[in-house]
């Protein structure tokens, strides 16, 4: 089965699933913060732990996920492992595009009831009035 895009091109289910998995990698706020920090250059897990103020196990889990997805690469050096973005320019472009979309839609994404993130306060209908 294929899906029609606005320009008439088709997007097959495999490609759609691949896009969904890619965006799911960024859907977790901690992973997105790690990607944004790695956009500034190569870091070790302990650097990310210090910067983010999270447990080492939490950061390691998310970095491992990003490595598995092919978004982050690792480089061993002595007893340390350094992590960097696989495609830094493309990921910076993606983040910039997301910022443009958010600028265009304002805070509307924060009020999307289907995307509840536990640490983001969502205004209730009575609070919006």
N, C-alpha and C. Protein backbone atom coordinates (compact mmCIF):
# COMPACT_ATOMS: atom_id res chain seq x y z
N UNK A 1 0.85 -1.19 0.00
CA UNK A 1 0.00 0.00 0.00
C UNK A 1 0.89 1.24 0.00
N UNK A 2 0.49 2.24 -0.75
CA UNK A 2 1.24 3.49 -0.80
C UNK A 2 0.36 4.64 -0.36
N UNK A 3 1.01 5.70 0.09
CA UNK A 3 0.29 6.90 0.49
C UNK A 3 0.63 8.00 -0.50
N UNK A 4 -0.35 8.81 -0.88
CA UNK A 4 -0.12 9.94 -1.79
C UNK A 4 0.33 11.15 -0.97
N UNK A 5 1.37 11.81 -1.44
CA UNK A 5 1.80 13.05 -0.85
C UNK A 5 1.18 14.19 -1.65
N UNK A 6 1.28 15.41 -1.13
CA UNK A 6 0.70 16.56 -1.81
C UNK A 6 1.27 16.75 -3.21
N UNK A 7 2.54 16.43 -3.40
CA UNK A 7 3.14 16.64 -4.71
C UNK A 7 2.87 15.49 -5.67
N UNK A 8 2.04 14.53 -5.25
CA UNK A 8 1.68 13.41 -6.11
C UNK A 8 2.58 12.20 -5.97
N UNK A 9 3.72 12.37 -5.30
CA UNK A 9 4.63 11.23 -5.08
C UNK A 9 4.00 10.28 -4.07
N UNK A 10 4.45 9.06 -4.08
CA UNK A 10 3.93 8.09 -3.13
C UNK A 10 4.98 7.75 -2.09
N UNK A 11 4.50 7.40 -0.94
CA UNK A 11 5.36 7.03 0.18
C UNK A 11 4.89 5.66 0.65
N UNK A 12 5.72 4.64 0.49
CA UNK A 12 5.27 3.30 0.85
C UNK A 12 5.30 3.09 2.36
N UNK A 13 4.69 2.02 2.79
CA UNK A 13 4.57 1.74 4.22
C UNK A 13 5.93 1.56 4.89
N UNK A 14 6.89 0.98 4.18
CA UNK A 14 8.22 0.79 4.77
C UNK A 14 8.87 2.14 5.05
N UNK A 15 8.78 3.04 4.09
CA UNK A 15 9.34 4.38 4.28
C UNK A 15 8.61 5.11 5.40
N UNK A 16 7.29 4.98 5.43
CA UNK A 16 6.51 5.62 6.48
C UNK A 16 6.93 5.10 7.85
N UNK A 17 7.11 3.79 7.97
CA UNK A 17 7.55 3.20 9.23
C UNK A 17 8.94 3.69 9.60
N UNK A 18 9.82 3.81 8.61
CA UNK A 18 11.18 4.30 8.88
C UNK A 18 11.14 5.73 9.39
N UNK A 19 10.32 6.58 8.77
CA UNK A 19 10.17 7.96 9.25
C UNK A 19 9.62 7.98 10.67
N UNK A 20 8.63 7.17 10.93
CA UNK A 20 8.03 7.12 12.27
C UNK A 20 9.05 6.70 13.31
N UNK A 21 9.87 5.70 12.99
CA UNK A 21 10.90 5.26 13.94
C UNK A 21 11.95 6.35 14.16
N UNK A 22 12.33 7.04 13.09
CA UNK A 22 13.29 8.12 13.23
C UNK A 22 12.75 9.20 14.16
N UNK A 23 11.52 9.63 13.92
CA UNK A 23 10.95 10.68 14.75
C UNK A 23 10.69 10.20 16.17
N UNK A 24 10.43 8.92 16.33
CA UNK A 24 10.25 8.38 17.68
C UNK A 24 11.55 8.46 18.46
N UNK A 25 12.67 8.34 17.79
CA UNK A 25 13.97 8.47 18.46
C UNK A 25 14.12 9.85 19.09
N UNK A 26 13.51 10.86 18.47
CA UNK A 26 13.58 12.22 18.99
C UNK A 26 12.41 12.56 19.92
N UNK A 27 11.44 11.68 20.02
CA UNK A 27 10.21 11.98 20.77
C UNK A 27 10.42 11.97 22.28
N UNK A 28 11.48 11.36 22.75
CA UNK A 28 11.75 11.31 24.18
C UNK A 28 12.60 12.53 24.53
N UNK A 29 12.15 13.38 25.45
CA UNK A 29 12.86 14.64 25.72
C UNK A 29 14.33 14.47 26.12
N UNK A 30 14.66 13.43 26.87
CA UNK A 30 16.05 13.23 27.27
C UNK A 30 16.92 12.93 26.05
N UNK A 31 16.42 12.08 25.16
CA UNK A 31 17.19 11.77 23.94
C UNK A 31 17.37 13.02 23.08
N UNK A 32 16.32 13.80 22.96
CA UNK A 32 16.42 15.03 22.17
C UNK A 32 17.44 15.98 22.79
N UNK A 33 17.45 16.10 24.12
CA UNK A 33 18.42 16.96 24.79
C UNK A 33 19.85 16.45 24.57
N UNK A 34 20.03 15.14 24.57
CA UNK A 34 21.35 14.55 24.30
C UNK A 34 21.78 14.89 22.88
N UNK A 35 20.88 14.73 21.92
CA UNK A 35 21.20 15.06 20.52
C UNK A 35 21.57 16.53 20.40
N UNK A 36 20.80 17.40 21.05
CA UNK A 36 21.09 18.83 20.98
C UNK A 36 22.46 19.13 21.58
N UNK A 37 22.81 18.46 22.69
CA UNK A 37 24.11 18.70 23.32
C UNK A 37 25.24 18.15 22.45
N UNK A 38 25.02 16.98 21.86
CA UNK A 38 26.05 16.41 20.99
C UNK A 38 26.25 17.23 19.71
N UNK A 39 25.28 18.07 19.38
CA UNK A 39 25.43 18.95 18.22
C UNK A 39 26.58 19.94 18.43
N UNK A 40 26.96 20.16 19.70
CA UNK A 40 28.07 21.07 19.99
C UNK A 40 29.42 20.36 19.89
N UNK A 41 29.41 19.04 19.73
CA UNK A 41 30.66 18.29 19.60
C UNK A 41 30.64 16.98 20.35
N UNK A 42 31.77 16.33 20.33
CA UNK A 42 31.94 15.00 20.91
C UNK A 42 31.97 15.07 22.45
N UNK A 43 31.29 14.11 23.10
CA UNK A 43 31.24 14.08 24.57
C UNK A 43 31.27 12.64 25.07
N UNK A 44 31.70 12.50 26.32
CA UNK A 44 31.62 11.21 27.01
C UNK A 44 30.30 11.19 27.78
N UNK A 45 29.89 9.98 28.19
CA UNK A 45 28.65 9.88 28.98
C UNK A 45 28.77 10.72 30.24
N UNK A 46 29.93 10.69 30.90
CA UNK A 46 30.05 11.46 32.15
C UNK A 46 29.92 12.96 31.90
N UNK A 47 30.34 13.44 30.72
CA UNK A 47 30.14 14.86 30.37
C UNK A 47 28.65 15.17 30.25
N UNK A 48 27.93 14.25 29.60
CA UNK A 48 26.48 14.43 29.44
C UNK A 48 25.77 14.37 30.78
N UNK A 49 26.22 13.47 31.67
CA UNK A 49 25.64 13.35 33.01
C UNK A 49 25.80 14.68 33.75
N UNK A 50 27.01 15.24 33.72
CA UNK A 50 27.27 16.52 34.39
C UNK A 50 26.42 17.63 33.80
N UNK A 51 26.36 17.70 32.49
CA UNK A 51 25.61 18.75 31.82
C UNK A 51 24.11 18.66 32.08
N UNK A 52 23.58 17.44 32.07
CA UNK A 52 22.13 17.26 32.16
C UNK A 52 21.64 17.04 33.58
N UNK A 53 22.53 16.68 34.49
CA UNK A 53 22.12 16.44 35.87
C UNK A 53 21.27 15.19 36.04
N UNK A 54 21.50 14.20 35.19
CA UNK A 54 20.75 12.95 35.25
C UNK A 54 21.66 11.82 35.71
N UNK A 55 21.05 10.71 36.10
CA UNK A 55 21.81 9.54 36.50
C UNK A 55 22.59 8.98 35.32
N UNK A 56 23.76 8.43 35.61
CA UNK A 56 24.60 7.85 34.57
C UNK A 56 23.86 6.74 33.83
N UNK A 57 23.10 5.94 34.56
CA UNK A 57 22.37 4.83 33.92
C UNK A 57 21.32 5.35 32.94
N UNK A 58 20.68 6.45 33.28
CA UNK A 58 19.67 7.05 32.39
C UNK A 58 20.32 7.56 31.11
N UNK A 59 21.40 8.30 31.26
CA UNK A 59 22.09 8.84 30.09
C UNK A 59 22.63 7.71 29.22
N UNK A 60 23.24 6.70 29.85
CA UNK A 60 23.80 5.57 29.10
C UNK A 60 22.72 4.85 28.31
N UNK A 61 21.56 4.67 28.93
CA UNK A 61 20.45 3.99 28.24
C UNK A 61 20.04 4.75 26.99
N UNK A 62 19.89 6.05 27.10
CA UNK A 62 19.45 6.86 25.97
C UNK A 62 20.53 6.98 24.90
N UNK A 63 21.79 7.11 25.32
CA UNK A 63 22.88 7.16 24.35
C UNK A 63 22.95 5.84 23.60
N UNK A 64 22.79 4.73 24.31
CA UNK A 64 22.78 3.41 23.66
C UNK A 64 21.68 3.29 22.63
N UNK A 65 20.50 3.82 22.96
CA UNK A 65 19.38 3.82 22.02
C UNK A 65 19.73 4.61 20.76
N UNK A 66 20.34 5.78 20.95
CA UNK A 66 20.71 6.62 19.82
C UNK A 66 21.80 5.98 18.96
N UNK A 67 22.72 5.25 19.61
CA UNK A 67 23.74 4.51 18.86
C UNK A 67 23.08 3.41 18.05
N UNK A 68 22.17 2.66 18.69
CA UNK A 68 21.47 1.57 18.00
C UNK A 68 20.69 2.07 16.79
N UNK A 69 20.13 3.27 16.90
CA UNK A 69 19.36 3.86 15.80
C UNK A 69 20.25 4.45 14.72
N UNK A 70 21.55 4.51 14.95
CA UNK A 70 22.46 5.04 13.95
C UNK A 70 22.60 6.55 13.96
N UNK A 71 22.04 7.20 14.97
CA UNK A 71 22.11 8.66 15.04
C UNK A 71 23.37 9.15 15.73
N UNK A 72 23.96 8.29 16.55
CA UNK A 72 25.16 8.63 17.32
C UNK A 72 26.20 7.54 17.09
N UNK A 73 27.45 7.95 16.99
CA UNK A 73 28.55 6.99 16.86
C UNK A 73 29.42 7.07 18.11
N UNK A 74 30.15 5.98 18.35
CA UNK A 74 31.04 5.96 19.51
C UNK A 74 32.47 5.71 19.07
N UNK A 75 33.39 6.33 19.82
CA UNK A 75 34.81 6.20 19.52
C UNK A 75 35.55 5.92 20.83
N UNK A 76 36.06 4.69 20.99
CA UNK A 76 36.81 4.39 22.21
C UNK A 76 38.17 5.11 22.21
N UNK A 77 38.53 5.59 23.38
CA UNK A 77 39.84 6.21 23.56
C UNK A 77 40.32 5.90 24.97
N UNK A 78 41.27 4.98 25.07
CA UNK A 78 41.73 4.55 26.39
C UNK A 78 40.60 3.89 27.14
N UNK A 79 40.33 4.40 28.35
CA UNK A 79 39.25 3.84 29.17
C UNK A 79 37.93 4.57 28.95
N UNK A 80 37.92 5.54 28.09
CA UNK A 80 36.71 6.34 27.83
C UNK A 80 36.14 6.02 26.46
N UNK A 81 34.87 6.34 26.31
CA UNK A 81 34.21 6.26 25.01
C UNK A 81 33.63 7.63 24.71
N UNK A 82 33.93 8.13 23.54
CA UNK A 82 33.44 9.43 23.11
C UNK A 82 32.27 9.22 22.14
N UNK A 83 31.24 10.04 22.28
CA UNK A 83 30.04 9.94 21.45
C UNK A 83 29.89 11.21 20.63
N UNK A 84 29.44 11.03 19.41
CA UNK A 84 29.20 12.18 18.53
C UNK A 84 28.04 11.85 17.59
N UNK A 85 27.48 12.88 17.01
CA UNK A 85 26.39 12.70 16.05
C UNK A 85 26.93 12.09 14.77
N UNK A 86 26.21 11.14 14.22
CA UNK A 86 26.62 10.49 12.98
C UNK A 86 26.58 11.48 11.82
N UNK A 87 25.53 12.27 11.75
CA UNK A 87 25.34 13.26 10.69
C UNK A 87 25.05 14.62 11.33
N UNK A 88 26.05 15.28 11.91
CA UNK A 88 25.78 16.50 12.68
C UNK A 88 25.07 17.60 11.89
N UNK A 89 25.47 17.84 10.66
CA UNK A 89 24.83 18.91 9.88
C UNK A 89 23.37 18.59 9.58
N UNK A 90 23.09 17.35 9.23
CA UNK A 90 21.70 16.97 8.95
C UNK A 90 20.84 17.08 10.20
N UNK A 91 21.38 16.67 11.34
CA UNK A 91 20.61 16.75 12.58
C UNK A 91 20.42 18.20 13.01
N UNK A 92 21.42 19.05 12.80
CA UNK A 92 21.24 20.48 13.09
C UNK A 92 20.15 21.07 12.19
N UNK A 93 20.12 20.65 10.94
CA UNK A 93 19.09 21.11 10.00
C UNK A 93 17.71 20.65 10.45
N UNK A 94 17.62 19.40 10.92
CA UNK A 94 16.34 18.87 11.40
C UNK A 94 15.86 19.65 12.62
N UNK A 95 16.76 19.94 13.55
CA UNK A 95 16.40 20.71 14.74
C UNK A 95 15.97 22.12 14.33
N UNK A 96 16.67 22.73 13.39
CA UNK A 96 16.30 24.06 12.92
C UNK A 96 14.92 24.04 12.26
N UNK A 97 14.64 22.98 11.48
CA UNK A 97 13.32 22.86 10.85
C UNK A 97 12.23 22.71 11.91
N UNK A 98 12.51 21.95 12.96
CA UNK A 98 11.54 21.80 14.05
C UNK A 98 11.29 23.14 14.73
N UNK A 99 12.35 23.92 14.93
CA UNK A 99 12.18 25.25 15.52
C UNK A 99 11.31 26.14 14.63
N UNK A 100 11.49 26.06 13.32
CA UNK A 100 10.66 26.84 12.39
C UNK A 100 9.20 26.42 12.48
N UNK A 101 8.95 25.11 12.55
CA UNK A 101 7.58 24.63 12.69
C UNK A 101 6.95 25.11 13.99
N UNK A 102 7.72 25.05 15.08
CA UNK A 102 7.20 25.52 16.36
C UNK A 102 6.94 27.03 16.33
N UNK A 103 7.83 27.78 15.69
CA UNK A 103 7.60 29.22 15.54
C UNK A 103 6.31 29.50 14.78
N UNK A 104 6.05 28.68 13.76
CA UNK A 104 4.87 28.88 12.92
C UNK A 104 3.57 28.50 13.62
N UNK A 105 3.65 27.52 14.53
CA UNK A 105 2.43 27.04 15.19
C UNK A 105 2.29 27.54 16.62
N UNK A 106 3.24 28.29 17.10
CA UNK A 106 3.18 28.78 18.47
C UNK A 106 3.26 27.63 19.45
N UNK A 107 2.46 27.70 20.50
CA UNK A 107 2.49 26.67 21.54
C UNK A 107 1.47 25.57 21.29
N UNK A 108 0.89 25.53 20.11
CA UNK A 108 -0.16 24.56 19.81
C UNK A 108 0.28 23.12 20.08
N UNK A 109 1.53 22.78 19.78
CA UNK A 109 2.02 21.41 20.00
C UNK A 109 1.97 21.03 21.48
N UNK A 110 2.15 22.01 22.37
CA UNK A 110 2.10 21.72 23.80
C UNK A 110 0.71 21.33 24.27
N UNK A 111 -0.30 21.68 23.50
CA UNK A 111 -1.68 21.40 23.90
C UNK A 111 -2.27 20.20 23.17
N UNK A 112 -1.47 19.50 22.41
CA UNK A 112 -1.94 18.31 21.69
C UNK A 112 -2.24 17.21 22.71
N UNK A 113 -3.49 16.86 22.85
CA UNK A 113 -3.90 15.92 23.90
C UNK A 113 -3.41 14.51 23.68
N UNK A 114 -3.02 14.16 22.47
CA UNK A 114 -2.54 12.80 22.20
C UNK A 114 -1.06 12.62 22.51
N UNK A 115 -0.36 13.70 22.79
CA UNK A 115 1.07 13.63 23.06
C UNK A 115 1.36 14.12 24.47
N UNK A 116 0.98 13.36 25.44
CA UNK A 116 1.19 13.75 26.83
C UNK A 116 2.58 13.36 27.29
N UNK A 117 3.38 14.34 27.62
CA UNK A 117 4.68 14.08 28.21
C UNK A 117 4.56 14.38 29.70
N UNK A 118 5.01 13.49 30.56
CA UNK A 118 4.76 13.61 31.98
C UNK A 118 5.30 14.86 32.64
N UNK A 119 6.39 15.42 32.17
CA UNK A 119 6.98 16.56 32.85
C UNK A 119 6.58 17.91 32.24
N UNK A 120 5.68 17.91 31.28
CA UNK A 120 5.20 19.15 30.68
C UNK A 120 3.78 19.38 31.15
N UNK A 121 3.53 20.55 31.73
CA UNK A 121 2.19 20.87 32.19
C UNK A 121 1.31 21.22 31.00
N UNK A 122 0.19 20.54 30.89
CA UNK A 122 -0.78 20.81 29.82
C UNK A 122 -1.96 21.54 30.44
N UNK A 123 -2.28 22.69 29.91
CA UNK A 123 -3.41 23.46 30.43
C UNK A 123 -4.71 22.72 30.18
N UNK A 124 -5.55 22.70 31.21
CA UNK A 124 -6.86 22.09 31.04
C UNK A 124 -7.78 23.09 30.36
N UNK A 125 -8.95 22.61 29.95
CA UNK A 125 -9.89 23.51 29.28
C UNK A 125 -10.26 24.69 30.16
N UNK A 126 -10.41 24.46 31.47
CA UNK A 126 -10.79 25.57 32.36
C UNK A 126 -9.64 26.55 32.52
N UNK A 127 -8.39 26.07 32.47
CA UNK A 127 -7.25 26.97 32.58
C UNK A 127 -7.08 27.81 31.33
N UNK A 128 -7.51 27.30 30.17
CA UNK A 128 -7.36 28.02 28.91
C UNK A 128 -8.31 29.20 28.82
N UNK A 129 -9.40 29.17 29.58
CA UNK A 129 -10.42 30.23 29.50
C UNK A 129 -10.01 31.47 30.24
